[in-house]
Amino acid sequence: MLKPDRLPPQLRNLPLPIIGAPLFIISNPKLVIAQCKAGVVGSMPALNARPASQLDEWLAEITEALAAHNAAHPDRPAAPYAINQIVHKSNDRLEADMALCAKYKVPIIITSLGAREDVNQAVKSWGGVTLHDVINNVFARKAIEKGATGLIPVAAGAGGHASVKSPFAMVQEIREWFDGPLALSGSIASGGAVLAAQAMGADFAYIGSPFIATTEARASDDQKQAVVDANSDDIVYSNYFTGVHGNYLKRSVVNQGMDPDNLPQSDPSKMNFGQSGAASGAKAWKDIWGCGQGIGTVREVLGAGALVERLRREYQAAQARMAALPQVA
């Protein structure tokens, strides 16, 4: 049995074992603050702040809002927040953005698209922790070898860049050698799925796509409604838009005049991550909407707090169902 005290202080005793995934373009301080106040880790990509100087303002806003909440509600403090850093060489803002994270002592840094020892050491220097997202066991080992605190296995069905690996396979392989923080990503959109992730060996569920359809999210009304209207049949897996395979809403592909069932393959050596757009002229994330397969549970646009409350009720109901099962001797 994994013991909670093996987790770093930032990740212990969360009201709900959920980390809100950073959503490119969509996540903003308003959403992060609402998530944290509701009791789940809120996060956003540093690159969502444009111009780069806006990141300073946003980190100040989040820090002040959560401090005020904690002062007013010492009995139910907010969950910590996280900032996602793209550590790929294409990110020329990384050094400056990391300096701002150091200034505000960001509690959790989520790293993507490469593992960097210097980044992990920098975060540890101010008392923070790093969680690195991975698509297989090989990359997971490399991330821990380079000093990451924990891992985010991005399994099949996750929104945006994702692997094709079963969550069962990823978690069991990683848990054979790693007992640190583990947040599972991939089609988790209900409280029952959160509990299932824990039963498999993960500490947390990593949930992104349902938060697209929240009032605080910086997504268009059309995008939010597309999430509400869709289910797993409405997701397409392709590397055409960024050079890396990912899951996207078919409606957004159709909106750009393309056939989602007949997309060409992209050259992985020409990764653009939405910065320059695909050959079609449509930009990933802005025009082509990343989304995971779990969105069949999303029935309406809600405030982030209301969404978390739904997840809480479902999680408690799932716990009750598990308690009622016959116990194995």
Protein backbone atom coordinates (compact mmCIF):
# COMPACT_ATOMS: atom_id res chain seq x y z
CA MET A 1 0.00 0.00 0.00
CA LEU A 2 1.36 3.41 -0.97
CA LYS A 3 1.54 5.77 1.99
CA PRO A 4 0.32 9.39 1.71
CA ASP A 5 3.35 10.70 3.66
CA ARG A 6 5.60 9.70 0.76
CA LEU A 7 4.10 12.66 -1.12
CA PRO A 8 5.65 16.14 -0.88
CA PRO A 9 3.76 18.58 1.38
CA GLN A 10 2.23 20.45 -1.56
CA LEU A 11 0.38 17.32 -2.67
CA ARG A 12 -0.77 15.97 0.68
CA ASN A 13 -4.27 16.27 2.10
CA LEU A 14 -5.96 17.67 -1.00
CA PRO A 15 -9.75 17.82 -0.56
CA LEU A 16 -10.03 15.89 -3.83
CA PRO A 17 -7.22 13.91 -5.50
CA ILE A 18 -7.47 15.93 -8.71
CA ILE A 19 -5.05 18.10 -10.67
CA GLY A 20 -6.63 20.35 -13.27
CA ALA A 21 -4.58 19.96 -16.44
CA PRO A 22 -3.13 23.12 -18.04
CA LEU A 23 -5.10 23.98 -21.17
CA PHE A 24 -3.20 25.86 -23.86
CA ILE A 25 -4.90 29.21 -24.63
CA ILE A 26 -7.88 28.28 -22.43
CA SER A 27 -6.53 28.26 -18.85
CA ASN A 28 -6.20 31.65 -17.16
CA PRO A 29 -5.96 33.02 -13.61
CA LYS A 30 -9.75 33.11 -13.23
CA LEU A 31 -10.00 29.38 -13.91
CA VAL A 32 -6.93 28.50 -11.83
CA ILE A 33 -8.22 30.44 -8.83
CA ALA A 34 -11.67 28.83 -9.10
CA GLN A 35 -10.15 25.35 -9.29
CA CYS A 36 -7.91 25.91 -6.28
CA LYS A 37 -10.71 27.41 -4.19
CA ALA A 38 -12.85 24.38 -5.02
CA GLY A 39 -10.16 22.07 -3.67
CA VAL A 40 -8.31 20.78 -6.74
CA VAL A 41 -4.91 21.82 -8.03
CA GLY A 42 -5.45 24.50 -10.67
CA SER A 43 -2.93 25.01 -13.44
CA MET A 44 -2.17 26.98 -16.59
CA PRO A 45 0.62 27.10 -19.18
CA ALA A 46 3.09 29.94 -18.74
CA LEU A 47 2.80 30.52 -22.49
CA ASN A 48 -0.86 31.50 -22.11
CA ALA A 49 0.34 34.86 -20.79
CA ARG A 50 0.88 37.08 -23.82
CA PRO A 51 2.84 39.27 -23.89
CA ALA A 52 5.38 37.50 -21.70
CA SER A 53 5.26 40.35 -19.17
CA GLN A 54 1.66 39.40 -18.40
CA LEU A 55 2.87 36.29 -16.57
CA ASP A 56 4.15 38.48 -13.73
CA GLU A 57 0.71 40.05 -13.37
CA TRP A 58 -1.06 36.71 -13.52
CA LEU A 59 1.17 35.07 -10.90
CA ALA A 60 0.63 38.04 -8.60
CA GLU A 61 -3.14 37.79 -9.14
CA ILE A 62 -3.23 34.07 -8.34
CA THR A 63 -0.93 34.39 -5.31
CA GLU A 64 -2.92 37.26 -3.81
CA ALA A 65 -6.33 35.71 -4.46
CA LEU A 66 -5.41 32.37 -2.88
CA ALA A 67 -3.76 34.05 0.10
CA ALA A 68 -6.91 36.11 0.69
CA HIS A 69 -9.07 32.99 0.42
CA ASN A 70 -6.91 31.11 2.91
CA ALA A 71 -6.99 33.99 5.37
CA ALA A 72 -10.79 34.13 5.15
CA HIS A 73 -11.25 30.34 5.22
CA PRO A 74 -8.55 28.79 7.43
CA ASP A 75 -10.76 25.71 7.86
CA ARG A 76 -10.82 25.00 4.12
CA PRO A 77 -7.72 26.45 2.47
CA ALA A 78 -7.30 26.45 -1.28
CA ALA A 79 -5.37 23.74 -3.07
CA PRO A 80 -1.97 24.79 -4.45
CA TYR A 81 -1.56 25.88 -8.06
CA ALA A 82 0.74 24.76 -10.84
CA ILE A 83 2.36 26.36 -13.86
CA ASN A 84 3.10 24.34 -16.99
CA GLN A 85 6.42 24.95 -18.71
CA ILE A 86 7.18 23.69 -22.21
CA VAL A 87 10.85 22.76 -21.93
CA HIS A 88 11.28 21.94 -25.61
CA LYS A 89 14.01 23.95 -27.37
CA SER A 90 11.37 25.81 -29.37
CA ASN A 91 10.28 27.70 -26.24
CA ASP A 92 12.47 30.82 -26.18
CA ARG A 93 10.59 32.16 -23.14
CA LEU A 94 11.55 29.37 -20.76
CA GLU A 95 14.36 31.14 -18.90
CA ALA A 96 12.39 34.34 -18.32
CA ASP A 97 9.22 32.47 -17.36
CA MET A 98 11.14 30.28 -14.92
CA ALA A 99 12.61 33.39 -13.29
CA LEU A 100 9.08 34.66 -12.65
CA CYS A 101 8.06 31.29 -11.21
CA ALA A 102 11.05 31.54 -8.86
CA LYS A 103 9.98 35.06 -7.85
CA TYR A 104 6.55 33.78 -6.76
CA LYS A 105 7.82 30.41 -5.53
CA VAL A 106 5.25 28.56 -7.62
CA PRO A 107 4.39 25.41 -5.63
CA ILE A 108 4.16 23.00 -8.56
CA ILE A 109 5.77 23.11 -12.01
CA ILE A 110 4.42 20.78 -14.69
CA THR A 111 7.01 20.17 -17.42
CA SER A 112 6.21 18.99 -20.93
CA LEU A 113 8.01 17.96 -24.13
CA GLY A 114 11.37 17.06 -22.68
CA ALA A 115 12.91 16.53 -19.23
CA ARG A 116 15.56 18.98 -18.04
CA GLU A 117 17.72 18.53 -14.98
CA ASP A 118 18.42 22.27 -14.68
CA VAL A 119 14.70 23.06 -14.57
CA ASN A 120 14.04 20.42 -11.92
CA GLN A 121 16.90 21.68 -9.76
CA ALA A 122 15.72 25.27 -10.08
CA VAL A 123 12.25 24.33 -8.86
CA LYS A 124 13.67 22.40 -5.92
CA SER A 125 15.80 25.42 -4.98
CA TRP A 126 12.69 27.42 -4.04
CA GLY A 127 10.92 24.48 -2.43
CA GLY A 128 8.67 23.56 -5.34
CA VAL A 129 8.00 20.20 -6.97
CA THR A 130 8.03 19.16 -10.61
CA LEU A 131 5.62 16.80 -12.32
CA HIS A 132 6.65 15.69 -15.80
CA ASP A 133 4.19 14.35 -18.35
CA VAL A 134 5.22 11.21 -20.22
CA ILE A 135 3.78 8.89 -22.87
CA ASN A 136 5.66 5.72 -21.96
CA ASN A 137 7.79 4.01 -19.32
CA VAL A 138 11.08 4.88 -21.05
CA PHE A 139 10.42 8.62 -20.86
CA ALA A 140 9.17 8.18 -17.30
CA ARG A 141 12.53 6.74 -16.20
CA LYS A 142 14.43 9.52 -17.96
CA ALA A 143 12.35 12.18 -16.22
CA ILE A 144 13.02 10.76 -12.75
CA GLU A 145 16.70 10.29 -13.55
CA LYS A 146 16.83 14.00 -14.38
CA GLY A 147 15.28 14.96 -11.05
CA ALA A 148 11.53 15.25 -11.59
CA THR A 149 9.54 14.85 -8.37
CA GLY A 150 6.64 13.01 -9.94
CA LEU A 151 5.09 11.83 -13.18
CA ILE A 152 1.98 12.36 -15.26
CA PRO A 153 1.41 9.31 -17.47
CA VAL A 154 -0.63 10.64 -20.41
CA ALA A 155 -2.60 7.58 -21.48
CA ALA A 156 -4.83 6.88 -24.46
CA GLY A 157 -7.78 9.21 -24.81
CA ALA A 158 -6.20 12.23 -23.14
CA GLY A 159 -6.90 15.62 -24.67
CA GLY A 160 -4.19 17.21 -26.80
CA HIS A 161 -0.87 15.37 -27.13
CA ALA A 162 -1.40 11.83 -25.87
CA SER A 163 -0.10 8.30 -26.18
CA VAL A 164 -1.93 5.19 -27.34
CA LYS A 165 -1.02 3.25 -24.21
CA SER A 166 -3.65 1.84 -21.88
CA PRO A 167 -3.70 3.55 -18.48
CA PHE A 168 -3.52 0.09 -16.89
CA ALA A 169 -0.28 -0.66 -18.71
CA MET A 170 1.31 2.71 -17.98
CA VAL A 171 0.52 2.79 -14.27
CA GLN A 172 1.50 -0.82 -13.56
CA GLU A 173 4.81 -0.49 -15.43
CA ILE A 174 5.75 2.76 -13.68
CA ARG A 175 4.68 1.49 -10.25
CA GLU A 176 7.08 -1.44 -10.58
CA TRP A 177 9.98 0.93 -9.94
CA PHE A 178 8.58 4.33 -8.85
CA ASP A 179 6.67 5.08 -5.65
CA GLY A 180 6.57 8.88 -5.96
CA PRO A 181 3.71 11.18 -6.99
CA LEU A 182 1.73 9.87 -9.95
CA ALA A 183 -1.13 11.75 -11.66
CA LEU A 184 -2.93 9.74 -14.33
CA SER A 185 -4.24 11.47 -17.46
CA GLY A 186 -6.61 10.09 -20.07
CA SER A 187 -10.40 10.28 -20.38
CA ILE A 188 -10.97 10.93 -16.66
CA ALA A 189 -14.12 13.02 -16.38
CA SER A 190 -16.15 11.54 -13.52
CA GLY A 191 -15.68 10.96 -9.82
CA GLY A 192 -15.83 7.23 -10.39
CA ALA A 193 -12.94 7.47 -12.84
CA VAL A 194 -10.94 9.44 -10.26
CA LEU A 195 -11.38 6.64 -7.74
CA ALA A 196 -10.52 4.06 -10.41
CA ALA A 197 -7.26 5.88 -11.13
CA GLN A 198 -6.37 5.59 -7.46
CA ALA A 199 -7.33 1.94 -7.37
CA MET A 200 -4.89 1.33 -10.23
CA GLY A 201 -2.05 2.90 -8.26
CA ALA A 202 -2.14 6.59 -9.20
CA ASP A 203 -2.27 9.24 -6.51
CA PHE A 204 -4.24 11.78 -8.54
CA ALA A 205 -6.46 12.14 -11.56
CA TYR A 206 -5.29 14.69 -14.11
CA ILE A 207 -8.40 16.26 -15.65
CA GLY A 208 -8.44 18.80 -18.46
CA SER A 209 -11.16 18.59 -21.11
CA PRO A 210 -14.22 18.95 -18.81
CA PHE A 211 -12.82 22.30 -17.63
CA ILE A 212 -13.03 23.64 -21.20
CA ALA A 213 -16.80 23.85 -20.73
CA THR A 214 -16.65 26.07 -17.64
CA THR A 215 -17.66 29.69 -17.35
CA GLU A 216 -14.16 30.73 -16.25
CA ALA A 217 -12.37 29.06 -19.16
CA ARG A 218 -10.99 31.30 -21.92
CA ALA A 219 -12.65 29.31 -24.69
CA SER A 220 -15.22 30.55 -27.17
CA ASP A 221 -18.89 29.77 -26.62
CA ASP A 222 -18.74 27.58 -29.75
CA GLN A 223 -15.88 25.55 -28.33
CA LYS A 224 -17.60 25.10 -24.98
CA GLN A 225 -20.82 23.99 -26.67
CA ALA A 226 -18.87 21.60 -28.89
CA VAL A 227 -17.55 19.89 -25.76
CA VAL A 228 -21.06 19.68 -24.31
CA ASP A 229 -22.42 18.20 -27.55
CA ALA A 230 -19.63 15.67 -28.10
CA ASN A 231 -18.68 12.21 -26.88
CA SER A 232 -15.77 9.86 -27.53
CA ASP A 233 -16.93 9.22 -31.11
CA ASP A 234 -16.31 12.90 -31.85
CA ILE A 235 -12.57 12.79 -31.15
CA VAL A 236 -9.88 12.33 -33.82
CA TYR A 237 -6.28 11.25 -33.13
CA SER A 238 -3.75 12.81 -35.52
CA ASN A 239 -0.23 14.22 -35.77
CA TYR A 240 -1.14 16.51 -38.67
CA PHE A 241 -1.53 19.70 -36.71
CA THR A 242 1.64 19.82 -34.61
CA GLY A 243 3.83 16.92 -35.69
CA VAL A 244 2.96 15.06 -32.48
CA HIS A 245 -0.05 12.75 -32.20
CA GLY A 246 -2.91 14.21 -30.23
CA ASN A 247 -6.67 14.10 -29.70
CA TYR A 248 -8.89 16.83 -31.16
CA LEU A 249 -12.58 17.61 -31.56
CA LYS A 250 -13.77 16.51 -34.99
CA ARG A 251 -16.12 19.49 -35.20
CA SER A 252 -13.19 21.89 -35.19
CA VAL A 253 -11.50 19.94 -37.98
CA VAL A 254 -14.68 20.02 -40.07
CA ASN A 255 -15.03 23.76 -39.35
CA GLN A 256 -11.68 24.25 -41.10
CA GLY A 257 -12.88 22.45 -44.22
CA MET A 258 -11.00 19.20 -43.60
CA ASP A 259 -12.12 15.58 -43.45
CA PRO A 260 -11.28 14.31 -39.95
CA ASP A 261 -11.29 10.71 -41.18
CA ASN A 262 -8.73 11.35 -43.92
CA LEU A 263 -6.04 13.60 -42.47
CA PRO A 264 -2.50 13.32 -43.87
CA GLN A 265 0.48 12.42 -41.71
CA SER A 266 2.79 15.21 -40.58
CA ASP A 267 6.59 15.20 -40.45
CA PRO A 268 7.48 14.77 -36.73
CA SER A 269 10.77 16.63 -37.30
CA LYS A 270 8.80 19.80 -38.04
CA MET A 271 6.98 20.13 -34.74
CA ASN A 272 5.29 23.51 -34.33
CA PHE A 273 2.94 23.01 -31.34
CA GLY A 274 0.47 25.41 -32.89
CA GLN A 275 2.88 28.32 -33.15
CA SER A 276 3.03 28.43 -36.94
CA GLY A 277 0.01 26.35 -37.86
CA ALA A 278 -0.42 23.27 -39.98
CA ALA A 279 -0.16 23.18 -43.76
CA SER A 280 -3.90 23.81 -43.95
CA GLY A 281 -3.45 27.24 -42.37
CA ALA A 282 -5.47 26.20 -39.31
CA LYS A 283 -3.66 26.65 -36.02
CA ALA A 284 -3.61 23.90 -33.45
CA TRP A 285 -5.39 24.78 -30.20
CA LYS A 286 -6.79 28.07 -31.56
CA ASP A 287 -8.65 26.66 -34.58
CA ILE A 288 -8.20 22.92 -34.02
CA TRP A 289 -9.48 22.19 -30.52
CA GLY A 290 -7.66 19.68 -28.36
CA CYS A 291 -10.03 17.48 -26.40
CA GLY A 292 -10.07 14.08 -24.70
CA GLN A 293 -12.38 11.10 -25.04
CA GLY A 294 -13.97 11.44 -21.60
CA ILE A 295 -16.25 14.36 -22.44
CA GLY A 296 -19.42 12.27 -22.71
CA THR A 297 -20.01 13.17 -19.05
CA VAL A 298 -20.10 16.91 -19.82
CA ARG A 299 -23.76 17.87 -20.18
CA GLU A 300 -23.69 21.65 -19.70
CA VAL A 301 -21.43 24.63 -19.20
CA LEU A 302 -20.85 25.09 -15.47
CA GLY A 303 -18.72 27.16 -13.18
CA ALA A 304 -15.48 25.38 -12.27
CA GLY A 305 -16.63 25.12 -8.66
CA ALA A 306 -19.86 23.42 -9.72
CA LEU A 307 -17.93 20.97 -11.89
CA VAL A 308 -15.64 20.09 -8.99
CA GLU A 309 -18.66 19.65 -6.73
CA ARG A 310 -20.13 17.17 -9.24
CA LEU A 311 -16.87 15.26 -9.26
CA ARG A 312 -16.88 15.27 -5.45
CA ARG A 313 -20.40 13.78 -5.28
CA GLU A 314 -19.55 11.14 -7.86
CA TYR A 315 -16.31 10.29 -6.06
CA GLN A 316 -18.15 9.81 -2.76
CA ALA A 317 -20.81 7.68 -4.48
CA ALA A 318 -18.07 5.53 -6.02
CA GLN A 319 -16.45 5.11 -2.61
CA ALA A 320 -19.80 3.95 -1.22
CA ARG A 321 -20.21 1.42 -4.03
CA MET A 322 -16.73 0.06 -3.39
CA ALA A 323 -17.42 -0.25 0.36
CA ALA A 324 -20.55 -2.29 -0.41
CA LEU A 325 -18.66 -4.87 -2.49
CA PRO A 326 -17.85 -8.23 -0.92
CA GLN A 327 -14.46 -8.11 0.75
CA VAL A 328 -11.80 -10.57 -0.35
CA ALA A 329 -10.49 -12.67 2.52
